[in-house]
Amino acid sequence: MRIAKIDGEYIWHAHDDTDEFFLVIDGEMIVAERDSPDSPERHVVVPKGSVYVVKRGVEHKPMAPDGASILMVEPSGTVTTGDRPEEVPDHIQSSRGHRVH
């Protein structure tokens, strides 16, 4: 489990071996999905208190234009920027999570 605050757009990425579960704790999140970089985007609006699951292998880009707090559930060790990100800008930290002591 991860809890995160998001503000603005994340990056296009996919998780080849796992689904990704999102619960919006506060605010509203939009998840853009596509089948390939050349295919059209689909947008799903996920309001506060709602959940959404991105299926394994689906390219997606979470967004929260006005900011949101989210809970994500995914296997331990899952890289936040996925298995095949397009590009990771310097302001985005890629991690496998942080151990709680």
Protein backbone atom coordinates (compact mmCIF):
# COMPACT_ATOMS: atom_id res chain seq x y z
CA MET A 1 0.00 0.00 0.00
CA ARG A 2 1.13 3.53 -0.74
CA ILE A 3 -0.44 6.83 0.16
CA ALA A 4 0.45 9.76 -2.06
CA LYS A 5 -0.51 13.32 -2.80
CA ILE A 6 -0.66 14.07 -6.50
CA ASP A 7 -0.91 17.45 -8.18
CA GLY A 8 -0.94 17.87 -11.94
CA GLU A 9 -0.01 15.13 -14.40
CA TYR A 10 2.13 12.04 -13.80
CA ILE A 11 3.85 10.22 -16.69
CA TRP A 12 2.63 7.58 -19.11
CA HIS A 13 3.68 4.16 -17.81
CA ALA A 14 2.51 0.55 -17.48
CA HIS A 15 2.94 -2.29 -15.03
CA ASP A 16 3.38 -5.47 -17.07
CA ASP A 17 2.83 -7.96 -14.22
CA THR A 18 0.29 -6.35 -11.90
CA ASP A 19 -2.97 -4.46 -11.75
CA GLU A 20 -2.89 -1.12 -9.91
CA PHE A 21 -5.68 -0.24 -7.47
CA PHE A 22 -6.43 3.41 -6.65
CA LEU A 23 -8.69 4.77 -3.89
CA VAL A 24 -9.19 8.54 -3.95
CA ILE A 25 -9.08 9.75 -0.34
CA ASP A 26 -9.47 13.45 -1.09
CA GLY A 27 -9.97 15.48 -4.25
CA GLU A 28 -10.54 14.01 -7.70
CA MET A 29 -8.22 12.00 -9.93
CA ILE A 30 -8.41 11.44 -13.67
CA VAL A 31 -6.79 8.34 -15.14
CA ALA A 32 -5.88 8.53 -18.83
CA GLU A 33 -5.40 5.13 -20.49
CA ARG A 34 -4.32 4.05 -23.96
CA ASP A 35 -3.50 0.84 -25.78
CA SER A 36 -0.29 2.20 -27.34
CA PRO A 37 1.45 5.57 -27.75
CA ASP A 38 -0.33 6.01 -31.10
CA SER A 39 -3.84 5.09 -29.91
CA PRO A 40 -6.47 7.49 -28.60
CA GLU A 41 -6.70 8.20 -24.87
CA ARG A 42 -9.61 7.23 -22.65
CA HIS A 43 -10.20 9.33 -19.52
CA VAL A 44 -11.83 8.00 -16.35
CA VAL A 45 -12.82 10.48 -13.62
CA VAL A 46 -12.38 9.02 -10.12
CA PRO A 47 -14.05 11.20 -7.45
CA LYS A 48 -13.34 11.24 -3.71
CA GLY A 49 -14.27 7.94 -2.06
CA SER A 50 -14.19 5.99 -5.33
CA VAL A 51 -11.85 3.26 -6.54
CA TYR A 52 -10.41 2.43 -9.94
CA VAL A 53 -8.25 -0.47 -11.11
CA VAL A 54 -5.84 -0.16 -14.02
CA LYS A 55 -5.39 -3.61 -15.53
CA ARG A 56 -1.88 -5.01 -15.93
CA GLY A 57 -0.12 -3.95 -19.13
CA VAL A 58 -2.37 -0.93 -19.78
CA GLU A 59 -0.49 2.34 -20.31
CA HIS A 60 -1.87 4.96 -17.98
CA LYS A 61 -1.25 8.46 -16.67
CA PRO A 62 -2.86 9.58 -13.40
CA MET A 63 -3.75 13.27 -13.20
CA ALA A 64 -5.17 15.60 -10.55
CA PRO A 65 -5.42 19.16 -11.89
CA ASP A 66 -6.59 20.44 -8.49
CA GLY A 67 -4.60 17.96 -6.38
CA ALA A 68 -5.71 14.72 -4.73
CA SER A 69 -4.72 12.28 -2.01
CA ILE A 70 -4.76 8.65 -3.08
CA LEU A 71 -4.14 5.17 -1.72
CA MET A 72 -2.58 2.67 -4.12
CA VAL A 73 -2.46 -1.08 -3.64
CA GLU A 74 0.10 -3.04 -5.62
CA PRO A 75 2.65 -5.78 -4.90
CA SER A 76 5.68 -4.87 -2.80
CA GLY A 77 8.56 -3.75 -4.98
CA THR A 78 6.40 -2.35 -7.79
CA VAL A 79 8.21 0.60 -9.41
CA THR A 80 6.11 3.78 -9.29
CA THR A 81 7.06 4.73 -12.85
CA GLY A 82 6.18 1.30 -14.22
CA ASP A 83 8.07 -1.21 -16.30
CA ARG A 84 8.21 0.89 -19.45
CA PRO A 85 7.84 4.62 -18.82
CA GLU A 86 8.05 6.93 -21.82
CA GLU A 87 10.38 9.33 -20.04
CA VAL A 88 10.92 10.21 -16.38
CA PRO A 89 11.46 13.94 -15.83
CA ASP A 90 13.79 15.07 -13.06
CA HIS A 91 10.92 16.25 -10.81
CA ILE A 92 9.39 12.73 -10.62
CA GLN A 93 10.91 10.28 -8.18
CA SER A 94 10.89 6.65 -9.28
CA SER A 95 10.86 4.27 -6.34
CA ARG A 96 9.86 0.83 -5.18
CA GLY A 97 8.38 2.35 -2.04
CA HIS A 98 9.92 3.27 1.25
CA ARG A 99 10.24 0.86 4.13
CA VAL A 100 8.36 1.87 7.26
CA HIS A 101 10.39 1.28 10.42
